[in-house]
Amino acid sequence: MKIKFSTLALLAMIALATIFRFYSLNEPMVWVDEPIYIVGGIKLLLQDRSYYDPNLWNFEHPPLAKYLIGLTAVAAPVNFDAIKQLPPNFYTGLGSPNVAEAMDNSLFFSRFSPAFFGVMLVA
């Protein structure tokens, strides 16, 4: 059985992307929208509201990424009461100690979902 170079290159690229993506799961927040999506995903999954309710967090962006991030973030052993009590689009509330602690403690979990789905899209 002969393996094509293009197949081998593709498998190497997927393996390298997987290693780099999962290696940095517990790094500090690297992009400015990450806390907004973590909070949005947690609020979408843990609050009793419809997606079409304009009082949801960050309503102007589609919910798919927030749902994916929220699916694994809520698995973290964290008390999310401070996040659930944030008023809609109150971005300065992200700096409050209770909210920041909940986000930091769920950071590894919240990054696992997009990393997994990103690798699956490449494969």
Protein backbone atom coordinates (compact mmCIF):
# COMPACT_ATOMS: atom_id res chain seq x y z
CA MET A 1 0.00 0.00 0.00
CA LYS A 2 1.48 3.28 -1.11
CA ILE A 3 0.66 6.47 0.80
CA LYS A 4 0.42 9.65 -1.22
CA PHE A 5 2.51 12.62 -0.15
CA SER A 6 -0.59 14.83 -0.04
CA THR A 7 -2.32 12.42 2.37
CA LEU A 8 0.74 12.28 4.58
CA ALA A 9 1.05 16.09 4.54
CA LEU A 10 -2.61 16.48 5.46
CA LEU A 11 -2.32 14.04 8.37
CA ALA A 12 0.84 15.80 9.59
CA MET A 13 -0.91 19.17 9.42
CA ILE A 14 -3.92 17.86 11.37
CA ALA A 15 -1.62 16.32 14.01
CA LEU A 16 0.40 19.51 14.33
CA ALA A 17 -2.72 21.69 14.56
CA THR A 18 -4.17 19.38 17.20
CA ILE A 19 -0.99 19.49 19.29
CA PHE A 20 -0.71 23.28 19.13
CA ARG A 21 -4.41 23.84 19.84
CA PHE A 22 -4.67 21.52 22.81
CA TYR A 23 -1.27 22.61 24.18
CA SER A 24 -2.50 26.14 24.90
CA LEU A 25 -5.89 25.37 26.44
CA ASN A 26 -4.97 26.67 29.88
CA GLU A 27 -3.15 29.82 28.76
CA PRO A 28 -4.38 33.27 29.91
CA MET A 29 -7.06 34.90 27.78
CA VAL A 30 -5.56 35.85 24.46
CA TRP A 31 -8.32 37.69 22.61
CA VAL A 32 -10.70 40.36 23.77
CA ASP A 33 -13.97 38.62 22.85
CA GLU A 34 -13.16 35.42 24.74
CA PRO A 35 -14.68 36.54 28.08
CA ILE A 36 -17.77 37.83 26.26
CA TYR A 37 -18.30 34.48 24.55
CA ILE A 38 -17.70 32.52 27.78
CA VAL A 39 -20.25 34.64 29.62
CA GLY A 40 -22.64 34.51 26.64
CA GLY A 41 -22.43 30.72 26.41
CA ILE A 42 -22.96 30.24 30.13
CA LYS A 43 -25.91 32.62 30.16
CA LEU A 44 -27.47 30.97 27.08
CA LEU A 45 -27.28 27.53 28.66
CA LEU A 46 -28.04 28.28 32.30
CA GLN A 47 -30.78 30.91 32.11
CA ASP A 48 -34.46 30.25 31.42
CA ARG A 49 -34.82 32.44 28.37
CA SER A 50 -35.39 31.95 24.69
CA TYR A 51 -32.62 32.81 22.26
CA TYR A 52 -34.86 35.48 20.76
CA ASP A 53 -35.05 37.35 24.07
CA PRO A 54 -33.15 40.63 23.45
CA ASN A 55 -31.99 40.62 27.06
CA LEU A 56 -29.52 37.83 26.43
CA TRP A 57 -25.83 38.54 26.59
CA ASN A 58 -24.30 39.78 23.34
CA PHE A 59 -27.47 39.25 21.31
CA GLU A 60 -26.05 40.89 18.19
CA HIS A 61 -23.83 37.88 17.39
CA PRO A 62 -25.08 34.44 16.32
CA PRO A 63 -25.28 31.94 19.18
CA LEU A 64 -23.47 28.90 17.70
CA ALA A 65 -19.98 29.70 19.01
CA LYS A 66 -21.40 30.76 22.36
CA TYR A 67 -23.32 27.49 22.66
CA LEU A 68 -20.21 25.44 21.80
CA ILE A 69 -18.11 27.34 24.35
CA GLY A 70 -20.90 27.18 26.92
CA LEU A 71 -21.38 23.43 26.49
CA THR A 72 -17.99 22.66 27.97
CA ALA A 73 -17.70 25.74 30.22
CA VAL A 74 -20.70 24.67 32.30
CA ALA A 75 -18.92 21.35 32.96
CA ALA A 76 -16.34 23.20 35.05
CA PRO A 77 -16.73 22.86 38.82
CA VAL A 78 -17.50 26.58 39.19
CA ASN A 79 -20.28 28.59 40.80
CA PHE A 80 -21.72 30.62 37.90
CA ASP A 81 -24.15 32.73 39.98
CA ALA A 82 -22.08 35.90 39.47
CA ILE A 83 -22.16 35.42 35.71
CA LYS A 84 -25.88 34.64 35.63
CA GLN A 85 -26.61 37.85 37.57
CA LEU A 86 -24.78 40.14 35.12
CA PRO A 87 -27.17 42.51 33.36
CA PRO A 88 -27.31 42.21 29.55
CA ASN A 89 -24.37 43.76 27.70
CA PHE A 90 -22.78 45.03 30.91
CA TYR A 91 -19.22 44.58 29.69
CA THR A 92 -17.60 46.42 32.59
CA GLY A 93 -19.06 43.73 34.87
CA LEU A 94 -16.54 41.28 33.42
CA GLY A 95 -13.90 42.82 35.69
CA SER A 96 -15.75 42.18 38.95
CA PRO A 97 -13.82 39.68 41.11
CA ASN A 98 -16.54 37.02 41.26
CA VAL A 99 -17.16 37.07 37.52
CA ALA A 100 -13.44 37.09 36.69
CA GLU A 101 -12.82 34.17 39.06
CA ALA A 102 -15.65 32.12 37.50
CA MET A 103 -14.31 32.82 34.00
CA ASP A 104 -10.71 32.00 34.96
CA ASN A 105 -11.75 28.74 36.64
CA SER A 106 -13.78 27.64 33.61
CA LEU A 107 -11.24 28.77 30.99
CA PHE A 108 -9.78 25.33 30.29
CA PHE A 109 -13.24 23.82 29.90
CA SER A 110 -14.54 26.65 27.74
CA ARG A 111 -11.63 26.27 25.31
CA PHE A 112 -11.97 22.52 24.96
CA SER A 113 -15.12 22.67 22.83
CA PRO A 114 -13.88 25.09 20.13
CA ALA A 115 -10.56 23.23 19.99
CA PHE A 116 -12.28 19.90 19.48
CA PHE A 117 -14.70 21.20 16.86
CA GLY A 118 -11.92 23.10 15.08
CA VAL A 119 -9.87 19.93 14.74
CA MET A 120 -12.97 18.04 13.55
CA LEU A 121 -13.57 20.66 10.85
CA VAL A 122 -10.02 20.27 9.55
CA ALA A 123 -10.32 16.49 9.56
